[in-house]
Protein backbone atom coordinates (compact mmCIF):
# COMPACT_ATOMS: atom_id res chain seq x y z
CA MET A 1 -12.44 24.22 -84.93
CA THR A 2 -10.71 26.41 -82.36
CA ASP A 3 -8.09 25.07 -79.94
CA ILE A 4 -9.45 26.10 -76.54
CA ALA A 5 -9.89 22.67 -74.95
CA THR A 6 -6.72 22.97 -72.88
CA GLU A 7 -7.80 26.32 -71.46
CA ILE A 8 -11.19 24.92 -70.54
CA GLU A 9 -9.68 21.91 -68.78
CA ARG A 10 -7.44 24.24 -66.79
CA LEU A 11 -10.53 26.15 -65.66
CA HIS A 12 -12.52 23.02 -64.85
CA PRO A 13 -11.55 22.80 -61.14
CA SER A 14 -12.40 26.45 -60.46
CA LEU A 15 -15.70 26.16 -62.34
CA THR A 16 -16.54 23.05 -60.34
CA GLU A 17 -15.79 24.99 -57.16
CA LEU A 18 -18.09 27.78 -58.35
CA ARG A 19 -20.83 25.30 -59.17
CA HIS A 20 -20.58 23.78 -55.69
CA LEU A 21 -20.72 27.24 -54.10
CA LEU A 22 -23.84 28.14 -56.06
CA HIS A 23 -25.36 24.75 -55.25
CA ALA A 24 -24.80 25.26 -51.53
CA HIS A 25 -26.56 28.63 -51.54
CA PRO A 26 -29.67 28.25 -53.72
CA GLU A 27 -32.18 31.08 -54.04
CA LEU A 28 -35.71 31.10 -55.44
CA GLY A 29 -36.92 33.20 -58.35
CA TYR A 30 -36.34 36.97 -58.07
CA GLN A 31 -34.44 36.36 -54.82
CA GLU A 32 -31.09 35.46 -56.44
CA ARG A 33 -29.19 38.38 -54.91
CA GLU A 34 -26.26 36.44 -53.43
CA THR A 35 -26.14 34.31 -56.56
CA ALA A 36 -25.91 37.44 -58.72
CA HIS A 37 -23.24 38.91 -56.44
CA ARG A 38 -21.07 35.81 -56.78
CA LEU A 39 -21.41 35.88 -60.56
CA VAL A 40 -20.64 39.59 -60.88
CA GLU A 41 -17.55 39.13 -58.70
CA ARG A 42 -16.13 36.89 -61.40
CA LEU A 43 -17.44 38.69 -64.47
CA GLU A 44 -16.21 42.14 -63.48
CA LYS A 45 -12.61 40.89 -63.44
CA LEU A 46 -12.73 39.99 -67.13
CA PRO A 47 -11.21 42.44 -69.62
CA GLY A 48 -13.55 44.06 -72.13
CA MET A 49 -16.70 43.11 -70.21
CA SER A 50 -19.47 45.63 -69.58
CA ILE A 51 -22.01 44.54 -66.97
CA ARG A 52 -25.61 45.54 -66.40
CA THR A 53 -27.13 44.33 -63.14
CA GLY A 54 -30.62 44.45 -61.65
CA VAL A 55 -32.29 43.42 -64.91
CA ALA A 56 -35.65 41.87 -64.02
CA GLU A 57 -34.67 42.53 -60.37
CA THR A 58 -31.73 40.14 -60.04
CA GLY A 59 -30.66 39.35 -63.61
CA ILE A 60 -27.32 40.15 -65.23
CA VAL A 61 -26.47 41.06 -68.81
CA ALA A 62 -22.71 41.03 -69.38
CA THR A 63 -21.47 42.07 -72.82
CA LEU A 64 -18.05 41.29 -74.23
CA GLY A 65 -16.91 43.51 -77.10
CA ALA A 66 -19.92 45.81 -77.06
CA GLU A 67 -18.13 48.13 -79.47
CA LYS A 68 -17.72 45.48 -82.19
CA THR A 69 -19.83 45.91 -85.33
CA GLY A 70 -20.40 42.29 -86.34
CA PRO A 71 -23.47 40.17 -85.52
CA CYS A 72 -24.28 39.81 -81.81
CA ILE A 73 -24.84 36.42 -80.18
CA ALA A 74 -26.45 35.90 -76.76
CA LEU A 75 -25.84 32.93 -74.46
CA ARG A 76 -28.27 32.43 -71.58
CA ALA A 77 -28.20 30.63 -68.24
CA ASP A 78 -30.96 30.49 -65.60
CA MET A 79 -30.19 31.28 -61.96
CA ASP A 80 -33.03 30.19 -59.68
CA ALA A 81 -33.47 27.14 -57.49
CA LEU A 82 -36.57 25.12 -56.56
CA PRO A 83 -38.56 24.87 -53.29
CA ILE A 84 -37.34 21.31 -52.61
CA GLN A 85 -35.53 19.87 -49.59
CA GLU A 86 -32.26 18.39 -50.85
CA GLU A 87 -31.48 14.70 -50.29
CA THR A 88 -28.25 14.25 -52.27
CA GLY A 89 -25.95 13.91 -49.27
CA VAL A 90 -23.11 15.70 -51.05
CA GLU A 91 -20.72 17.80 -48.95
CA TYR A 92 -21.82 20.97 -50.75
CA THR A 93 -25.51 20.24 -50.09
CA SER A 94 -27.92 23.16 -49.85
CA ARG A 95 -27.55 25.27 -46.73
CA ASN A 96 -30.92 26.92 -47.34
CA ALA A 97 -33.64 24.68 -45.93
CA GLY A 98 -36.36 23.78 -48.39
CA ARG A 99 -34.45 25.05 -51.43
CA MET A 100 -32.11 23.32 -53.84
CA HIS A 101 -30.73 23.42 -57.36
CA ALA A 102 -32.76 20.43 -58.50
CA CYS A 103 -32.86 21.50 -62.14
CA GLY A 104 -29.15 22.06 -62.74
CA HIS A 105 -29.19 25.83 -62.98
CA ASP A 106 -26.00 25.87 -60.88
CA GLY A 107 -24.32 23.91 -63.66
CA HIS A 108 -25.76 26.17 -66.35
CA MET A 109 -24.31 29.23 -64.61
CA ALA A 110 -20.91 27.59 -64.18
CA CYS A 111 -20.78 26.75 -67.89
CA LEU A 112 -21.67 30.31 -68.89
CA VAL A 113 -19.16 31.90 -66.51
CA GLY A 114 -16.53 29.55 -67.93
CA ALA A 115 -17.39 30.61 -71.47
CA ALA A 116 -17.09 34.27 -70.47
CA MET A 117 -13.68 33.62 -68.92
CA VAL A 118 -12.36 31.85 -72.02
CA LEU A 119 -13.83 34.25 -74.56
CA ALA A 120 -12.52 37.28 -72.70
CA GLN A 121 -9.03 35.97 -73.51
CA HIS A 122 -9.94 35.63 -77.19
CA ALA A 123 -11.92 38.82 -77.70
CA ASP A 124 -9.74 39.76 -80.67
CA ARG A 125 -11.15 36.76 -82.53
CA LEU A 126 -14.76 37.86 -82.10
CA ALA A 127 -16.35 39.69 -85.02
CA GLY A 128 -19.26 40.96 -82.96
CA PRO A 129 -20.44 41.34 -79.36
CA VAL A 130 -21.26 38.40 -77.11
CA LYS A 131 -23.95 38.79 -74.46
CA PHE A 132 -23.94 36.55 -71.40
CA ILE A 133 -27.45 36.58 -69.97
CA PHE A 134 -27.93 35.30 -66.42
CA GLN A 135 -31.68 35.16 -65.96
CA PRO A 136 -33.75 34.90 -62.76
CA ALA A 137 -37.01 33.07 -62.14
CA GLU A 138 -37.16 30.43 -64.85
CA GLU A 139 -39.09 28.09 -62.55
CA GLY A 140 -42.56 29.57 -62.98
CA GLY A 141 -41.67 33.24 -62.59
CA ALA A 142 -41.33 34.01 -66.32
CA GLY A 143 -38.00 35.72 -65.78
CA GLY A 144 -37.26 35.35 -69.47
CA LYS A 145 -40.28 37.48 -70.31
CA ARG A 146 -39.14 40.24 -67.97
CA MET A 147 -35.56 40.11 -69.25
CA TYR A 148 -36.88 40.53 -72.78
CA GLN A 149 -39.16 43.39 -71.72
CA GLU A 150 -36.24 45.10 -70.00
CA LYS A 151 -34.23 45.05 -73.24
CA ALA A 152 -31.77 42.27 -72.49
CA LEU A 153 -31.67 41.61 -76.24
CA GLN A 154 -31.01 45.26 -77.13
CA GLU A 155 -28.08 47.69 -76.93
CA PRO A 156 -26.50 46.02 -78.81
CA ARG A 157 -29.27 44.20 -80.63
CA VAL A 158 -28.95 40.41 -80.46
CA ASP A 159 -29.13 38.48 -83.74
CA ALA A 160 -29.62 35.01 -82.23
CA ILE A 161 -29.67 33.42 -78.77
CA PHE A 162 -28.65 29.99 -77.49
CA ALA A 163 -28.99 28.09 -74.20
CA LEU A 164 -28.13 24.67 -72.84
CA HIS A 165 -29.89 22.46 -70.30
CA GLY A 166 -28.36 19.52 -68.46
CA TRP A 167 -30.32 16.40 -69.43
CA PRO A 168 -30.28 13.29 -67.20
CA THR A 169 -31.46 10.89 -69.92
CA LEU A 170 -28.35 11.65 -72.01
CA GLU A 171 -24.89 10.34 -71.22
CA ILE A 172 -21.94 12.61 -70.49
CA GLY A 173 -20.30 13.67 -73.74
CA THR A 174 -23.50 13.80 -75.78
CA VAL A 175 -25.47 16.72 -77.15
CA ALA A 176 -29.09 16.70 -78.36
CA VAL A 177 -30.72 19.37 -80.50
CA ARG A 178 -33.60 19.43 -82.95
CA PRO A 179 -35.48 22.07 -84.94
CA GLY A 180 -39.12 22.98 -84.32
CA PRO A 181 -41.25 22.52 -81.18
CA ILE A 182 -39.28 20.99 -78.32
CA MET A 183 -41.03 22.16 -75.12
CA ALA A 184 -44.63 22.77 -74.21
CA HIS A 185 -47.09 25.61 -74.00
CA VAL A 186 -47.95 25.80 -70.29
CA THR A 187 -51.28 26.93 -68.87
CA ASP A 188 -52.19 26.40 -65.23
CA PHE A 189 -55.78 26.18 -64.07
CA GLU A 190 -57.82 26.61 -60.92
CA ILE A 191 -61.31 25.17 -60.53
CA THR A 192 -63.54 26.04 -57.59
CA VAL A 193 -66.60 23.86 -57.14
CA HIS A 194 -69.46 25.49 -55.26
CA GLY A 195 -72.16 23.35 -53.68
CA THR A 196 -74.15 23.24 -50.45
CA GLY A 197 -72.51 22.20 -47.21
CA THR A 198 -74.27 19.81 -44.88
CA HIS A 199 -73.77 17.19 -42.16
CA ALA A 200 -72.03 14.11 -43.50
CA ALA A 201 -74.87 11.96 -42.19
CA MET A 202 -77.40 13.94 -44.25
CA PRO A 203 -75.89 14.17 -47.76
CA ASP A 204 -79.32 14.50 -49.36
CA ARG A 205 -79.67 17.98 -47.83
CA GLY A 206 -76.61 19.36 -49.61
CA VAL A 207 -74.58 19.20 -52.81
CA ASP A 208 -71.38 17.26 -52.17
CA THR A 209 -68.52 19.30 -53.61
CA ILE A 210 -65.94 16.57 -52.96
CA LEU A 211 -67.97 14.10 -55.02
CA VAL A 212 -68.42 16.67 -57.79
CA ALA A 213 -64.76 17.67 -57.83
CA SER A 214 -63.76 14.00 -57.95
CA GLN A 215 -65.97 13.48 -60.99
CA ILE A 216 -64.33 16.48 -62.64
CA VAL A 217 -60.83 15.09 -61.98
CA VAL A 218 -61.77 11.83 -63.70
CA ALA A 219 -63.63 13.52 -66.57
CA LEU A 220 -60.71 15.80 -67.38
CA GLN A 221 -58.64 12.77 -68.34
CA SER A 222 -60.95 12.20 -71.30
CA ILE A 223 -59.67 15.36 -72.99
CA VAL A 224 -56.32 13.97 -74.13
CA ALA A 225 -57.82 10.50 -74.66
CA ARG A 226 -60.74 11.63 -76.80
CA ASN A 227 -60.55 15.31 -77.78
CA THR A 228 -57.00 15.85 -79.08
CA GLU A 229 -55.25 14.33 -82.07
CA PRO A 230 -53.43 11.14 -81.00
CA THR A 231 -50.21 12.30 -82.67
CA GLU A 232 -50.19 15.64 -80.81
CA PRO A 233 -48.70 15.36 -77.29
CA ALA A 234 -50.70 16.91 -74.45
CA VAL A 235 -51.17 16.45 -70.70
CA VAL A 236 -53.85 17.53 -68.22
CA THR A 237 -52.73 17.04 -64.63
CA VAL A 238 -54.55 17.92 -61.42
CA GLY A 239 -51.81 18.53 -58.89
CA ALA A 240 -53.79 19.81 -55.91
CA PHE A 241 -57.21 18.89 -54.46
CA ASN A 242 -58.27 20.81 -51.35
CA ALA A 243 -61.62 20.53 -49.58
CA GLY A 244 -63.10 20.07 -46.15
CA THR A 245 -61.93 20.38 -42.57
CA ALA A 246 -63.66 17.52 -40.73
CA THR A 247 -64.81 13.94 -41.26
CA ASN A 248 -68.47 14.69 -40.55
CA ILE A 249 -68.97 17.78 -42.71
CA ILE A 250 -69.58 18.01 -46.45
CA PRO A 251 -67.89 21.31 -47.36
CA PRO A 252 -69.59 24.01 -49.43
CA ALA A 253 -66.60 24.34 -51.75
CA ALA A 254 -63.74 22.28 -53.19
CA HIS A 255 -60.66 23.54 -55.00
CA LEU A 256 -58.64 21.93 -57.79
CA ARG A 257 -55.38 23.21 -59.24
CA GLY A 258 -53.40 21.78 -62.11
CA THR A 259 -51.60 22.28 -65.37
CA ILE A 260 -52.19 21.93 -69.09
CA ARG A 261 -49.25 21.07 -71.33
CA ALA A 262 -49.38 20.94 -75.14
CA LEU A 263 -46.71 20.95 -77.81
CA THR A 264 -48.69 23.03 -80.32
CA ASN A 265 -50.84 26.11 -79.92
CA LYS A 266 -53.74 24.39 -81.69
CA THR A 267 -53.79 21.57 -79.15
CA LYS A 268 -53.45 24.03 -76.27
CA VAL A 269 -56.54 25.91 -77.43
CA THR A 270 -58.50 22.66 -77.80
CA VAL A 271 -57.55 21.41 -74.34
CA LYS A 272 -58.39 24.71 -72.64
CA ALA A 273 -61.82 24.87 -74.23
CA HIS A 274 -62.70 21.29 -73.29
CA LEU A 275 -61.39 21.69 -69.74
CA LYS A 276 -63.63 24.66 -69.09
CA HIS A 277 -66.67 22.97 -70.69
CA ILE A 278 -66.20 19.67 -68.86
CA ALA A 279 -65.69 21.30 -65.46
CA GLU A 280 -68.71 23.55 -65.77
CA GLN A 281 -71.06 20.96 -67.24
CA THR A 282 -70.02 18.16 -64.88
CA ALA A 283 -70.66 20.42 -61.91
CA ALA A 284 -74.04 21.48 -63.33
CA ALA A 285 -75.07 17.85 -63.80
CA PHE A 286 -74.73 17.34 -60.03
CA GLY A 287 -76.44 20.62 -59.09
CA ALA A 288 -73.18 22.42 -58.33
CA ARG A 289 -71.29 25.27 -60.00
CA ALA A 290 -67.70 25.32 -61.19
CA ASP A 291 -65.69 28.51 -61.60
CA VAL A 292 -62.73 27.95 -63.92
CA ARG A 293 -59.66 30.17 -64.07
CA LEU A 294 -57.05 29.60 -66.80
CA ILE A 295 -53.59 31.05 -66.13
CA PRO A 296 -51.22 31.26 -69.15
CA LEU A 297 -47.60 30.76 -68.02
CA TYR A 298 -45.18 30.01 -70.86
CA PRO A 299 -45.58 29.82 -74.63
CA GLY A 300 -44.26 26.74 -76.39
CA LEU A 301 -40.54 26.67 -77.16
CA SER A 302 -39.66 26.10 -80.81
CA ASN A 303 -36.10 26.01 -82.12
CA ASP A 304 -35.24 27.99 -85.23
CA ALA A 305 -34.09 25.53 -87.91
CA LYS A 306 -30.96 27.48 -88.82
CA ALA A 307 -29.99 28.01 -85.18
CA ALA A 308 -30.53 24.32 -84.35
CA GLU A 309 -28.37 23.24 -87.31
CA PHE A 310 -25.68 25.69 -86.18
CA VAL A 311 -25.55 23.96 -82.77
CA SER A 312 -25.59 20.55 -84.42
CA GLU A 313 -22.65 21.42 -86.69
CA ILE A 314 -20.60 22.60 -83.72
CA ALA A 315 -21.46 19.49 -81.72
CA ARG A 316 -20.47 17.20 -84.58
CA ASP A 317 -17.05 18.86 -84.67
CA VAL A 318 -16.60 18.85 -80.89
CA VAL A 319 -17.95 15.43 -79.83
CA GLY A 320 -18.31 13.59 -83.12
CA GLU A 321 -21.30 12.54 -85.19
CA HIS A 322 -21.98 9.51 -82.98
CA ALA A 323 -22.54 11.69 -79.89
CA VAL A 324 -25.00 14.14 -81.46
CA ILE A 325 -28.60 13.09 -80.82
CA ALA A 326 -31.01 14.35 -83.46
CA ASP A 327 -34.07 12.36 -82.43
CA GLU A 328 -34.36 13.14 -78.70
CA PRO A 329 -38.12 13.55 -78.32
CA PRO A 330 -39.70 16.87 -77.32
CA THR A 331 -40.76 17.22 -73.71
CA LEU A 332 -43.92 18.65 -72.18
CA GLY A 333 -41.89 20.54 -69.63
CA GLY A 334 -42.11 24.32 -69.82
CA GLU A 335 -39.23 26.71 -70.45
CA ASP A 336 -39.30 30.50 -70.45
CA PHE A 337 -36.46 30.62 -72.98
CA ALA A 338 -39.51 30.61 -75.27
CA PHE A 339 -39.98 34.34 -74.62
CA TYR A 340 -36.66 35.03 -76.37
CA ALA A 341 -37.31 32.49 -79.11
CA ARG A 342 -40.55 34.20 -80.11
CA SER A 343 -38.66 37.33 -81.16
CA ILE A 344 -35.30 36.23 -82.61
CA PRO A 345 -33.70 33.02 -83.95
CA ALA A 346 -32.98 30.73 -81.02
CA ALA A 347 -31.85 27.21 -80.20
CA PHE A 348 -32.19 25.40 -76.89
CA TRP A 349 -30.09 22.26 -76.64
CA TRP A 350 -29.57 19.43 -74.18
CA LEU A 351 -26.25 18.55 -72.56
CA GLY A 352 -25.80 14.99 -71.32
CA VAL A 353 -25.21 14.67 -67.56
CA ARG A 354 -25.84 10.95 -66.96
CA PRO A 355 -22.63 9.25 -65.72
CA ARG A 356 -20.85 7.11 -68.30
CA GLY A 357 -21.98 3.52 -68.13
CA ALA A 358 -24.97 4.25 -65.89
CA GLU A 359 -28.39 3.25 -67.20
CA THR A 360 -30.20 5.92 -65.19
CA CYS A 361 -29.60 8.82 -62.84
CA ALA A 362 -31.77 11.08 -60.70
CA GLY A 363 -34.20 13.14 -62.74
CA LEU A 364 -34.78 16.88 -62.82
CA HIS A 365 -36.84 18.42 -60.00
CA GLN A 366 -36.02 15.47 -57.74
CA PRO A 367 -34.45 15.89 -54.27
CA THR A 368 -31.57 13.59 -55.25
CA PHE A 369 -30.61 15.36 -58.51
CA ASP A 370 -27.17 16.92 -58.79
CA PHE A 371 -25.64 18.41 -61.93
CA ASN A 372 -22.67 16.34 -63.11
CA ASP A 373 -19.44 18.33 -62.86
CA GLU A 374 -17.92 16.27 -65.68
CA ALA A 375 -20.37 17.92 -68.08
CA ILE A 376 -19.03 21.43 -67.45
CA PRO A 377 -16.13 21.41 -69.97
CA LEU A 378 -18.37 20.39 -72.86
CA GLY A 379 -20.94 23.01 -71.91
CA VAL A 380 -18.24 25.68 -71.86
CA ARG A 381 -16.76 24.45 -75.15
CA MET A 382 -20.09 24.52 -76.97
CA HIS A 383 -20.80 28.08 -75.77
CA CYS A 384 -17.35 29.25 -76.83
CA GLU A 385 -17.47 27.64 -80.25
CA ALA A 386 -20.88 29.18 -80.90
CA ALA A 387 -19.55 32.66 -80.12
CA LEU A 388 -16.33 32.26 -82.10
CA ARG A 389 -18.09 30.90 -85.20
CA PHE A 390 -21.19 33.05 -85.06
CA ALA A 391 -20.20 35.71 -87.60
CA GLU A 392 -19.82 33.06 -90.29
CA SER A 393 -23.43 31.91 -89.82
CA TRP A 394 -25.15 35.24 -89.18
CA PRO A 395 -23.57 37.77 -91.54
CA ARG A 396 -25.19 41.18 -91.49
């Protein structure tokens, strides 16, 4: 195990300052221009670093030791914020109304910048190149897909890629990683119910789209309960129901929007087929018509077994066997890191951010969430160890 802990602790205050700066100035997907500028300001000062900007509009690919001939590792952090009004009350709270880093991407960026700073001082110990990928638009914009399409994993070609995510259910000082499926296939849907508008006092003269849409909402919950295997996780959620403009009018149309989440492709296909059938047939039973639109967003994220074990081995050395969680359950959240993982070996792992001794803390995508600064050194350390040890695990 390499002796870089002292260097990382020395950088901790400046990385915390960077994290607070990024937190105070959050930007939504594909709008991360100031964020990218602040990152490049720091990366361009590092010796041996070549920087490509404007990837997928606002993304950055910084490569250390591009001339090296050994295997190439990529480390990725996401950059975008969420359209949420912050309620943390911290002094570095968001200055951009209606936007905040509620998923910890500010912390992810700080960890990756820290790793770049440390590794730039140890470039002579690297057998191959290290790519630091700062990716836009993870939150629904499929920035990972665009980064891949714009050759973020090429020139030099990446042999494996790794990423961390701050995880509020895990205590500071812990790391969780597992092989196989860990995050969901994500498909959004839109259902428009067409009926016949009429006066609310004369419902027999129309087809009540609100009634029909309500029946569809209830019926959709039978899919996971009765049409998928009980051991295969899946979710069907209607998140928006819009219809009508007045209390005395039955509207001619009602609109539903929601999401399908499934851990396996087989279950995803099953859920999609039943959703379409149930919506259309329920509407028909009431004399209405349902138009269903299915919108694929992210494929499921599955960790390569060798890559996951590589992370686990490093974590056991860094934090000890007792602090490595091998049985953290998969989540039905979506993650566009999956677009990288479909093409090369990849591992996505969870970094504990819950304060020591606390039973709970604010969850992701909540207005009170704030990445824990005390998690930064371990995030940096794990990134650095992965880069320094990579050639031993991925010989060419």
